[in-house]
Amino acid sequence: MRDVTIRKMLVVWGVGVALLFGGATLRDAVAQASDAATFTGSYSLKSAEGVTPLTLKQDKDGKVTGTLTEKDLTLRLDGEVDKGRVIGIALHVESNKQLYFIASPQAGQLVLDLIGAGADGKIDLKNKTTLLFTPDAKPGDAKPAKPNPPSKTDAKKPSSDRVYRHPLGFTFEHPVGWKVEKAEFLKVLLVPKDKDENEAIVVSSDPLSVPGTARADDPRWAQRLETEVAEIFPSLKRVGRVETVQTGCGTGAVMVWEGATPDGIRAQLRLYTVIEKGEMHTLFAIGPKDRIESRDKPLREVFASFAPDKSANSAKRDDTPLAKEWKQRLNGMKVTYLSSDGSDAGGYTARWDLYLNADGSFTYRDSSTVSADVGGVSGFSGGRSSSAGKWRILTGGSQAFLELRFDDGRTRRSMLSLEGGKTYVDGDRVFVTKP
């Protein structure tokens, strides 16, 4: 349910990931996919003056420590993983002075931003030094990855055990050995055994935002996708034709984009999409070109298995007792999410407020701040945004979810749950109060 904040930014292939499918963004799902990768490892920055080594170690709780050494300079890093980045404090050992740092993956490399004091003596988040580190080679890295053969146990496992029932009313079958992980906004992440840290595979379902479009291979829909990809991924160009594929939900379409990142890495984006009863079910894959190309066969099999969920409880309805119960609970209320982390040296906060008006309209506001106070030198940065639209409660079986239709055309759906009298949106604790 969280929208974009400074903590949610993620850069993939040198550009911000904000690709809209039917108006719903995959930005957060891709960010969550990146969280699965660990920052543990050794990295190097090569220059005319030599090699600068960086070592990082991430524990099971997402805490990251590390050391950067360059001649007579040593920085000790202490931070925490949050939505694909590490945010923390860097201690200059020789002078005992502290800096603020942000480390984020980008196109197979690690971008390290070191932020120091400006001319006024205060921490200036715009006054930063950016260093680009390359992961050191590991034994076997140069060899092509060999897929693990299915075990006898897996081979005997009924395919029904690999069928995932999406709460929005469709099913799909995932390959043997692949994991399915739930993400925000009712997105689903597919995780192969040999997942590359720079790839993301996401399944989503969103209301169709192009009126009159009945099939995914409709030229109007293809043009819409091509325009959006060009805006968000200017370095990627569509290749080949729009290919039609039969799925259990009807005729789908496959589109491919390719290009080079600013660092010269070849990237590929594959989009498999089908329209069923006004909903667009999508399988999205992005990553290194050779890796994504090698996934085409299993991805096509997953896509072909897309089918309407014919179980009695799969229909999306807003008139069920469960939907009415949640509407009564949230109608005319303010829903608030709060998150913060930090220490005496600084930290961050994030908040969003969702006003669910009794007339079916809503107002959404979010804000974020990043602050630092090290050695008597302090600084602050923040941002705010707001939007509006219409809201309703839908249910699929025993699952209720909140649907927000923004005035700008976006649609977002989030899972609702109650535990011990506490309310959760997409697994995050929220507070429901009177405005």
Protein backbone atom coordinates (compact mmCIF):
# COMPACT_ATOMS: atom_id res chain seq x y z
CA MET A 1 0.00 0.00 0.00
CA ARG A 2 3.01 2.24 0.46
CA ASP A 3 3.58 4.64 -2.43
CA VAL A 4 6.90 6.01 -3.64
CA THR A 5 9.16 7.56 -0.99
CA ILE A 6 12.90 8.16 -0.81
CA ARG A 7 13.15 4.76 0.87
CA LYS A 8 11.27 3.05 -1.96
CA MET A 9 13.35 4.28 -4.88
CA LEU A 10 15.03 1.50 -6.84
CA VAL A 11 17.17 1.82 -9.94
CA VAL A 12 17.27 -1.04 -12.40
CA TRP A 13 19.33 -0.82 -15.59
CA GLY A 14 20.15 2.82 -14.90
CA VAL A 15 16.57 4.10 -14.97
CA GLY A 16 13.76 4.25 -12.40
CA VAL A 17 11.40 1.29 -12.58
CA ALA A 18 7.91 2.73 -12.85
CA LEU A 19 6.38 0.69 -15.66
CA LEU A 20 2.60 0.89 -15.57
CA PHE A 21 0.44 -2.08 -16.50
CA GLY A 22 -3.11 -0.89 -16.94
CA GLY A 23 -2.27 2.01 -14.63
CA ALA A 24 -0.80 -0.09 -11.78
CA THR A 25 2.91 0.21 -11.04
CA LEU A 26 5.36 -2.67 -10.58
CA ARG A 27 7.94 -0.41 -8.96
CA ASP A 28 7.36 -1.80 -5.48
CA ALA A 29 7.22 -5.41 -6.58
CA VAL A 30 10.55 -5.11 -8.35
CA ALA A 31 11.99 -3.44 -5.26
CA GLN A 32 10.86 -6.36 -3.18
CA ALA A 33 12.42 -8.76 -5.66
CA SER A 34 15.75 -7.01 -5.15
CA ASP A 35 15.46 -7.37 -1.37
CA ALA A 36 15.83 -11.12 -1.76
CA ALA A 37 19.46 -10.61 -2.86
CA THR A 38 22.11 -10.22 -0.17
CA PHE A 39 24.69 -7.43 -0.15
CA THR A 40 27.28 -9.76 1.39
CA GLY A 41 30.43 -9.90 -0.71
CA SER A 42 33.54 -8.09 -1.86
CA TYR A 43 33.54 -5.27 -4.42
CA SER A 44 36.22 -3.25 -6.23
CA LEU A 45 36.52 0.26 -7.62
CA LYS A 46 39.22 0.42 -10.30
CA SER A 47 40.87 3.73 -11.24
CA ALA A 48 44.16 5.08 -12.53
CA GLU A 49 45.38 5.22 -8.93
CA GLY A 50 44.70 1.56 -8.27
CA VAL A 51 41.97 -0.62 -6.83
CA THR A 52 39.75 0.40 -3.90
CA PRO A 53 38.27 -2.64 -2.12
CA LEU A 54 34.89 -2.70 -0.37
CA THR A 55 33.62 -5.59 1.74
CA LEU A 56 30.06 -5.93 3.04
CA LYS A 57 28.38 -8.44 5.32
CA GLN A 58 24.62 -8.69 5.73
CA ASP A 59 23.03 -10.63 8.60
CA LYS A 60 19.68 -12.40 8.67
CA ASP A 61 17.96 -9.28 10.06
CA GLY A 62 19.11 -7.05 7.19
CA LYS A 63 21.87 -5.27 9.14
CA VAL A 64 24.89 -4.49 6.96
CA THR A 65 28.43 -3.75 8.09
CA GLY A 66 31.48 -3.23 5.95
CA THR A 67 34.83 -1.60 5.30
CA LEU A 68 36.13 0.59 2.45
CA THR A 69 39.91 1.06 2.27
CA GLU A 70 41.90 3.40 0.03
CA LYS A 71 45.58 4.01 0.86
CA ASP A 72 45.50 5.78 4.24
CA LEU A 73 41.70 6.16 4.30
CA THR A 74 39.37 3.69 5.98
CA LEU A 75 35.58 3.92 6.20
CA ARG A 76 33.53 1.63 8.40
CA LEU A 77 29.95 1.22 7.19
CA ASP A 78 27.00 0.45 9.43
CA GLY A 79 23.53 0.37 7.87
CA GLU A 80 20.33 -1.54 7.18
CA VAL A 81 18.67 -2.95 4.06
CA ASP A 82 15.39 -1.29 3.17
CA LYS A 83 13.56 -1.90 -0.12
CA GLY A 84 16.60 -2.72 -2.20
CA ARG A 85 19.06 -0.25 -0.66
CA VAL A 86 21.36 0.03 2.33
CA ILE A 87 21.08 3.26 4.31
CA GLY A 88 23.47 4.08 7.14
CA ILE A 89 26.47 5.87 8.59
CA ALA A 90 30.09 5.69 7.36
CA LEU A 91 32.76 6.36 10.00
CA HIS A 92 36.09 7.82 8.80
CA VAL A 93 38.36 5.86 11.13
CA GLU A 94 41.38 8.18 10.96
CA SER A 95 39.48 11.37 11.88
CA ASN A 96 36.53 9.78 13.71
CA LYS A 97 34.17 11.84 11.54
CA GLN A 98 30.95 10.43 10.18
CA LEU A 99 29.26 10.55 6.79
CA TYR A 100 25.84 9.43 5.59
CA PHE A 101 25.77 6.71 2.90
CA ILE A 102 23.32 5.00 0.57
CA ALA A 103 24.32 1.82 -1.30
CA SER A 104 22.10 0.51 -4.09
CA PRO A 105 22.39 -2.13 -6.83
CA GLN A 106 22.46 -0.89 -10.39
CA ALA A 107 22.96 -2.97 -13.53
CA GLY A 108 25.00 -5.65 -11.78
CA GLN A 109 27.11 -3.14 -9.89
CA LEU A 110 26.90 -1.37 -6.54
CA VAL A 111 26.46 2.40 -6.37
CA LEU A 112 27.77 3.92 -3.15
CA ASP A 113 26.76 7.52 -2.40
CA LEU A 114 28.79 9.23 0.33
CA ILE A 115 27.15 12.42 1.60
CA GLY A 116 29.16 15.00 3.51
CA ALA A 117 28.89 18.54 4.86
CA GLY A 118 28.21 21.52 2.61
CA ALA A 119 29.83 24.97 2.71
CA ASP A 120 27.54 25.98 5.58
CA GLY A 121 28.79 23.13 7.72
CA LYS A 122 25.53 21.20 7.51
CA ILE A 123 24.91 17.83 5.94
CA ASP A 124 23.83 18.47 2.38
CA LEU A 125 22.09 15.50 0.77
CA LYS A 126 22.73 17.03 -2.65
CA ASN A 127 26.45 17.29 -1.95
CA LYS A 128 27.55 13.74 -2.48
CA THR A 129 30.28 11.64 -4.00
CA THR A 130 29.14 8.65 -6.05
CA LEU A 131 31.39 5.60 -6.35
CA LEU A 132 30.63 2.67 -8.67
CA PHE A 133 31.84 -0.72 -7.42
CA THR A 134 31.94 -4.01 -9.34
CA PRO A 135 31.38 -7.31 -7.49
CA ASP A 136 34.54 -9.38 -7.34
CA ALA A 137 34.48 -12.59 -9.33
CA LYS A 138 33.60 -15.76 -7.47
CA PRO A 139 34.73 -19.28 -8.35
CA GLY A 140 32.58 -20.54 -11.17
CA ASP A 141 31.11 -17.16 -12.08
CA ALA A 142 32.48 -17.36 -15.62
CA LYS A 143 30.80 -20.71 -16.24
CA PRO A 144 27.25 -20.79 -17.53
CA ALA A 145 24.79 -21.78 -14.87
CA LYS A 146 23.54 -25.33 -15.22
CA PRO A 147 19.96 -25.87 -14.19
CA ASN A 148 19.52 -28.34 -11.36
CA PRO A 149 17.79 -31.48 -12.65
CA PRO A 150 14.51 -32.18 -10.93
CA SER A 151 14.79 -34.71 -8.14
CA LYS A 152 12.83 -37.93 -8.30
CA THR A 153 10.62 -36.56 -5.56
CA ASP A 154 9.89 -33.41 -7.58
CA ALA A 155 9.28 -35.38 -10.75
CA LYS A 156 6.60 -37.43 -9.01
CA LYS A 157 4.94 -34.41 -7.46
CA PRO A 158 1.47 -33.78 -8.93
CA SER A 159 1.31 -30.63 -11.02
CA SER A 160 -1.67 -29.50 -8.91
CA ASP A 161 0.81 -28.89 -6.08
CA ARG A 162 2.39 -26.21 -8.26
CA VAL A 163 -0.83 -24.39 -9.12
CA TYR A 164 -1.07 -20.95 -7.56
CA ARG A 165 -4.52 -19.47 -7.01
CA HIS A 166 -4.33 -15.72 -7.26
CA PRO A 167 -6.86 -13.91 -5.05
CA LEU A 168 -7.95 -11.85 -8.06
CA GLY A 169 -9.53 -14.85 -9.74
CA PHE A 170 -7.02 -16.68 -11.93
CA THR A 171 -4.55 -19.52 -11.54
CA PHE A 172 -1.18 -20.47 -13.00
CA GLU A 173 1.26 -23.35 -12.69
CA HIS A 174 4.89 -22.60 -11.84
CA PRO A 175 7.90 -24.75 -12.83
CA VAL A 176 9.36 -27.40 -10.55
CA GLY A 177 11.83 -25.82 -8.13
CA TRP A 178 10.56 -22.24 -8.56
CA LYS A 179 9.25 -20.42 -5.53
CA VAL A 180 6.22 -18.15 -5.39
CA GLU A 181 6.44 -15.15 -3.07
CA LYS A 182 3.67 -12.66 -2.35
CA ALA A 183 4.44 -8.97 -2.80
CA GLU A 184 2.62 -5.71 -2.25
CA PHE A 185 -0.39 -4.66 -4.35
CA LEU A 186 -1.32 -8.34 -4.85
CA LYS A 187 1.74 -8.89 -7.05
CA VAL A 188 3.47 -12.27 -7.04
CA LEU A 189 7.21 -12.84 -7.47
CA LEU A 190 8.47 -15.96 -9.23
CA VAL A 191 11.89 -17.02 -7.96
CA PRO A 192 13.83 -19.68 -9.97
CA LYS A 193 16.41 -21.85 -8.23
CA ASP A 194 19.21 -20.09 -10.15
CA LYS A 195 17.79 -16.56 -9.91
CA ASP A 196 20.18 -13.80 -11.00
CA GLU A 197 20.42 -10.95 -8.48
CA ASN A 198 19.66 -8.50 -11.30
CA GLU A 199 16.50 -10.11 -12.65
CA ALA A 200 12.89 -9.86 -11.56
CA ILE A 201 9.92 -12.00 -12.61
CA VAL A 202 6.52 -10.71 -11.54
CA VAL A 203 2.90 -11.81 -12.02
CA SER A 204 0.17 -9.20 -11.65
CA SER A 205 -3.50 -8.60 -12.42
CA ASP A 206 -4.93 -5.13 -12.93
CA PRO A 207 -8.10 -3.56 -14.32
CA LEU A 208 -7.80 -2.73 -18.00
CA SER A 209 -7.39 1.00 -18.61
CA VAL A 210 -7.78 1.10 -22.42
CA PRO A 211 -11.54 1.21 -23.16
CA GLY A 212 -12.84 -1.17 -25.80
CA THR A 213 -9.79 -3.43 -25.77
CA ALA A 214 -10.80 -7.09 -25.68
CA ARG A 215 -7.55 -8.82 -26.65
CA ALA A 216 -3.95 -8.28 -25.64
CA ASP A 217 -2.80 -8.24 -29.27
CA ASP A 218 -5.07 -5.26 -30.04
CA PRO A 219 -2.80 -2.65 -31.73
CA ARG A 220 -4.10 0.02 -29.33
CA TRP A 221 -2.94 -1.93 -26.33
CA ALA A 222 0.42 -2.76 -27.89
CA GLN A 223 0.93 0.93 -28.67
CA ARG A 224 0.06 1.89 -25.10
CA LEU A 225 2.66 -0.52 -23.71
CA GLU A 226 5.27 0.56 -26.24
CA THR A 227 4.79 4.23 -25.34
CA GLU A 228 5.10 3.55 -21.61
CA VAL A 229 8.20 1.41 -21.98
CA ALA A 230 9.85 4.08 -24.17
CA GLU A 231 9.18 6.71 -21.49
CA ILE A 232 10.48 4.64 -18.59
CA PHE A 233 13.21 2.64 -20.34
CA PRO A 234 14.51 4.98 -23.06
CA SER A 235 17.52 2.73 -23.68
CA LEU A 236 15.30 -0.25 -24.50
CA LYS A 237 13.77 -0.67 -27.96
CA ARG A 238 11.08 -3.12 -28.94
CA VAL A 239 12.31 -5.96 -31.16
CA GLY A 240 10.37 -8.38 -33.31
CA ARG A 241 6.63 -8.52 -33.77
CA VAL A 242 3.80 -8.86 -31.27
CA GLU A 243 3.45 -12.62 -30.95
CA THR A 244 0.13 -14.24 -30.04
CA VAL A 245 0.03 -17.14 -27.58
CA GLN A 246 -2.93 -19.21 -26.43
CA THR A 247 -3.58 -19.34 -22.68
CA GLY A 248 -6.35 -20.68 -20.51
CA CYS A 249 -7.66 -17.10 -20.27
CA GLY A 250 -7.76 -16.60 -24.04
CA THR A 251 -5.39 -15.22 -26.67
CA GLY A 252 -2.40 -13.48 -25.11
CA ALA A 253 0.48 -11.45 -26.49
CA VAL A 254 4.26 -11.53 -26.04
CA MET A 255 6.38 -8.41 -26.55
CA VAL A 256 10.15 -8.02 -26.17
CA TRP A 257 12.40 -4.98 -25.60
CA GLU A 258 16.20 -4.94 -25.69
CA GLY A 259 18.96 -2.41 -25.18
CA ALA A 260 22.18 -1.52 -23.41
CA THR A 261 22.46 -0.02 -19.96
CA PRO A 262 24.63 3.10 -19.46
CA ASP A 263 27.39 0.68 -18.44
CA GLY A 264 27.11 -1.30 -21.66
CA ILE A 265 25.31 -4.33 -20.23
CA ARG A 266 22.79 -5.93 -22.59
CA ALA A 267 19.33 -6.02 -21.03
CA GLN A 268 16.02 -7.54 -22.04
CA LEU A 269 12.42 -7.04 -20.98
CA ARG A 270 9.78 -9.67 -21.80
CA LEU A 271 6.08 -8.99 -21.34
CA TYR A 272 3.45 -11.73 -21.52
CA THR A 273 -0.09 -10.38 -21.17
CA VAL A 274 -3.67 -11.57 -21.61
CA ILE A 275 -7.01 -9.79 -21.13
CA GLU A 276 -9.86 -11.64 -19.42
CA LYS A 277 -13.18 -10.05 -18.43
CA GLY A 278 -11.77 -6.55 -18.20
CA GLU A 279 -8.69 -7.64 -16.24
CA MET A 280 -5.16 -7.74 -17.57
CA HIS A 281 -3.11 -10.67 -16.27
CA THR A 282 0.60 -10.05 -16.86
CA LEU A 283 3.87 -11.94 -16.56
CA PHE A 284 6.81 -9.52 -16.57
CA ALA A 285 10.52 -10.44 -16.71
CA ILE A 286 13.53 -8.11 -16.84
CA GLY A 287 17.24 -8.72 -16.45
CA PRO A 288 20.45 -9.54 -18.34
CA LYS A 289 19.58 -10.44 -21.94
CA ASP A 290 21.12 -13.91 -21.93
CA ARG A 291 19.46 -14.84 -18.64
CA ILE A 292 15.98 -13.60 -19.62
CA GLU A 293 16.23 -15.27 -23.04
CA SER A 294 17.04 -18.57 -21.32
CA ARG A 295 13.85 -18.18 -19.26
CA ASP A 296 11.56 -17.87 -22.30
CA LYS A 297 10.50 -21.54 -22.43
CA PRO A 298 9.47 -21.87 -18.74
CA LEU A 299 7.93 -18.39 -18.81
CA ARG A 300 5.80 -19.37 -21.82
CA GLU A 301 4.69 -22.49 -19.97
CA VAL A 302 3.70 -20.40 -16.95
CA PHE A 303 1.87 -17.92 -19.19
CA ALA A 304 0.03 -20.65 -21.12
CA SER A 305 -1.20 -22.06 -17.80
CA PHE A 306 -2.97 -18.78 -16.91
CA ALA A 307 -6.63 -19.77 -16.48
CA PRO A 308 -9.77 -18.46 -14.78
CA ASP A 309 -10.17 -19.80 -11.26
CA LYS A 310 -13.41 -21.76 -11.50
CA SER A 311 -13.67 -22.41 -7.77
CA ALA A 312 -16.85 -21.11 -6.20
CA ASN A 313 -15.00 -18.63 -4.01
CA SER A 314 -12.80 -17.02 -6.67
CA ALA A 315 -15.16 -14.33 -7.96
CA LYS A 316 -14.29 -10.72 -7.10
CA ARG A 317 -17.37 -9.29 -5.40
CA ASP A 318 -18.19 -6.21 -3.35
CA ASP A 319 -21.51 -7.43 -1.92
CA THR A 320 -20.37 -10.28 0.32
CA PRO A 321 -20.73 -10.23 4.13
CA LEU A 322 -16.94 -9.96 4.39
CA ALA A 323 -16.85 -6.97 2.03
CA LYS A 324 -19.63 -5.28 3.97
CA GLU A 325 -17.80 -5.93 7.26
CA TRP A 326 -14.61 -4.28 5.99
CA LYS A 327 -16.52 -1.39 4.46
CA GLN A 328 -18.21 -0.75 7.78
CA ARG A 329 -14.81 -0.86 9.51
CA LEU A 330 -13.10 1.58 7.10
CA ASN A 331 -15.93 3.81 5.87
CA GLY A 332 -15.26 7.46 6.80
CA MET A 333 -11.98 6.56 8.54
CA LYS A 334 -8.34 7.53 8.16
CA VAL A 335 -5.84 4.71 7.59
CA THR A 336 -2.25 5.56 8.57
CA TYR A 337 1.05 3.76 7.99
CA LEU A 338 4.15 4.81 9.93
CA SER A 339 7.73 3.63 9.64
CA SER A 340 11.00 4.95 10.99
CA ASP A 341 14.51 3.85 11.75
CA GLY A 342 17.64 5.57 12.95
CA SER A 343 19.94 6.44 15.80
CA ASP A 344 21.56 9.49 17.36
CA ALA A 345 23.43 9.93 14.08
CA GLY A 346 20.30 10.17 11.92
CA GLY A 347 17.67 8.07 10.20
CA TYR A 348 14.53 8.15 8.11
CA THR A 349 10.76 8.25 8.52
CA ALA A 350 7.96 7.36 6.12
CA ARG A 351 4.24 7.90 6.48
CA TRP A 352 1.09 7.72 4.42
CA ASP A 353 -2.46 8.68 5.29
CA LEU A 354 -5.47 7.38 3.38
CA TYR A 355 -8.80 9.15 3.98
CA LEU A 356 -11.64 6.80 2.96
CA ASN A 357 -14.66 9.05 2.62
CA ALA A 358 -18.21 7.79 3.07
CA ASP A 359 -19.16 8.87 -0.47
CA GLY A 360 -16.67 6.40 -1.97
CA SER A 361 -13.93 8.95 -2.66
CA PHE A 362 -10.49 8.94 -1.09
CA THR A 363 -7.54 11.26 -0.53
CA TYR A 364 -4.04 9.81 -0.24
CA ARG A 365 -1.06 11.69 1.19
CA ASP A 366 2.45 10.45 1.84
CA SER A 367 5.67 11.95 3.15
CA SER A 368 9.23 10.86 3.84
CA THR A 369 12.27 12.35 5.50
CA VAL A 370 15.95 11.50 5.75
CA SER A 371 18.06 13.21 8.42
CA ALA A 372 21.59 13.10 9.76
CA ASP A 373 23.33 14.58 12.79
CA VAL A 374 26.97 13.60 13.04
CA GLY A 375 29.63 15.35 15.04
CA GLY A 376 27.45 18.42 15.60
CA VAL A 377 26.78 18.73 11.87
CA SER A 378 23.17 18.09 10.85
CA GLY A 379 20.99 18.05 7.76
CA PHE A 380 17.54 17.10 6.53
CA SER A 381 15.75 16.14 3.33
CA GLY A 382 12.09 15.35 2.73
CA GLY A 383 9.30 14.97 0.22
CA ARG A 384 5.49 14.96 0.05
CA SER A 385 2.83 13.94 -2.44
CA SER A 386 -0.95 13.62 -2.57
CA SER A 387 -3.58 12.11 -4.86
CA ALA A 388 -7.29 11.24 -4.93
CA GLY A 389 -9.82 8.87 -6.47
CA LYS A 390 -12.50 6.27 -5.67
CA TRP A 391 -12.29 3.31 -3.29
CA ARG A 392 -14.16 0.07 -2.65
CA ILE A 393 -13.77 -3.26 -0.86
CA LEU A 394 -13.68 -6.48 -2.90
CA THR A 395 -13.45 -10.09 -1.78
CA GLY A 396 -12.28 -13.31 -3.35
CA GLY A 397 -13.18 -16.28 -1.17
CA SER A 398 -12.04 -15.53 2.37
CA GLN A 399 -9.68 -12.73 1.30
CA ALA A 400 -10.69 -9.07 1.36
CA PHE A 401 -8.77 -6.37 -0.46
CA LEU A 402 -8.92 -2.61 -0.85
CA GLU A 403 -9.15 -1.25 -4.39
CA LEU A 404 -8.08 2.35 -5.08
CA ARG A 405 -8.86 3.85 -8.47
CA PHE A 406 -6.82 7.03 -8.75
CA ASP A 407 -8.03 10.01 -10.76
CA ASP A 408 -4.92 9.74 -12.96
CA GLY A 409 -5.91 6.25 -14.16
CA ARG A 410 -3.86 4.10 -11.81
CA THR A 411 -5.50 1.27 -9.88
CA ARG A 412 -4.08 -0.39 -6.80
CA ARG A 413 -5.33 -3.35 -4.83
CA SER A 414 -4.01 -4.31 -1.42
CA MET A 415 -4.75 -7.27 0.82
CA LEU A 416 -6.55 -6.56 4.10
CA SER A 417 -6.21 -8.62 7.26
CA LEU A 418 -6.91 -8.52 10.99
CA GLU A 419 -4.71 -10.08 13.65
CA GLY A 420 -5.46 -9.68 17.32
CA GLY A 421 -7.67 -6.68 16.61
CA LYS A 422 -4.90 -4.98 14.64
CA THR A 423 -5.35 -3.98 10.99
CA TYR A 424 -2.81 -4.87 8.28
CA VAL A 425 -2.53 -3.71 4.66
CA ASP A 426 -0.32 -5.95 2.51
CA GLY A 427 1.14 -7.31 5.73
CA ASP A 428 2.04 -3.87 7.14
CA ARG A 429 0.49 -2.72 10.41
CA VAL A 430 -1.72 0.34 9.95
CA PHE A 431 -3.79 2.49 12.32
CA VAL A 432 -7.47 3.12 11.65
CA THR A 433 -8.74 6.31 13.29
CA LYS A 434 -11.35 9.00 12.83
CA PRO A 435 -10.13 11.90 10.64
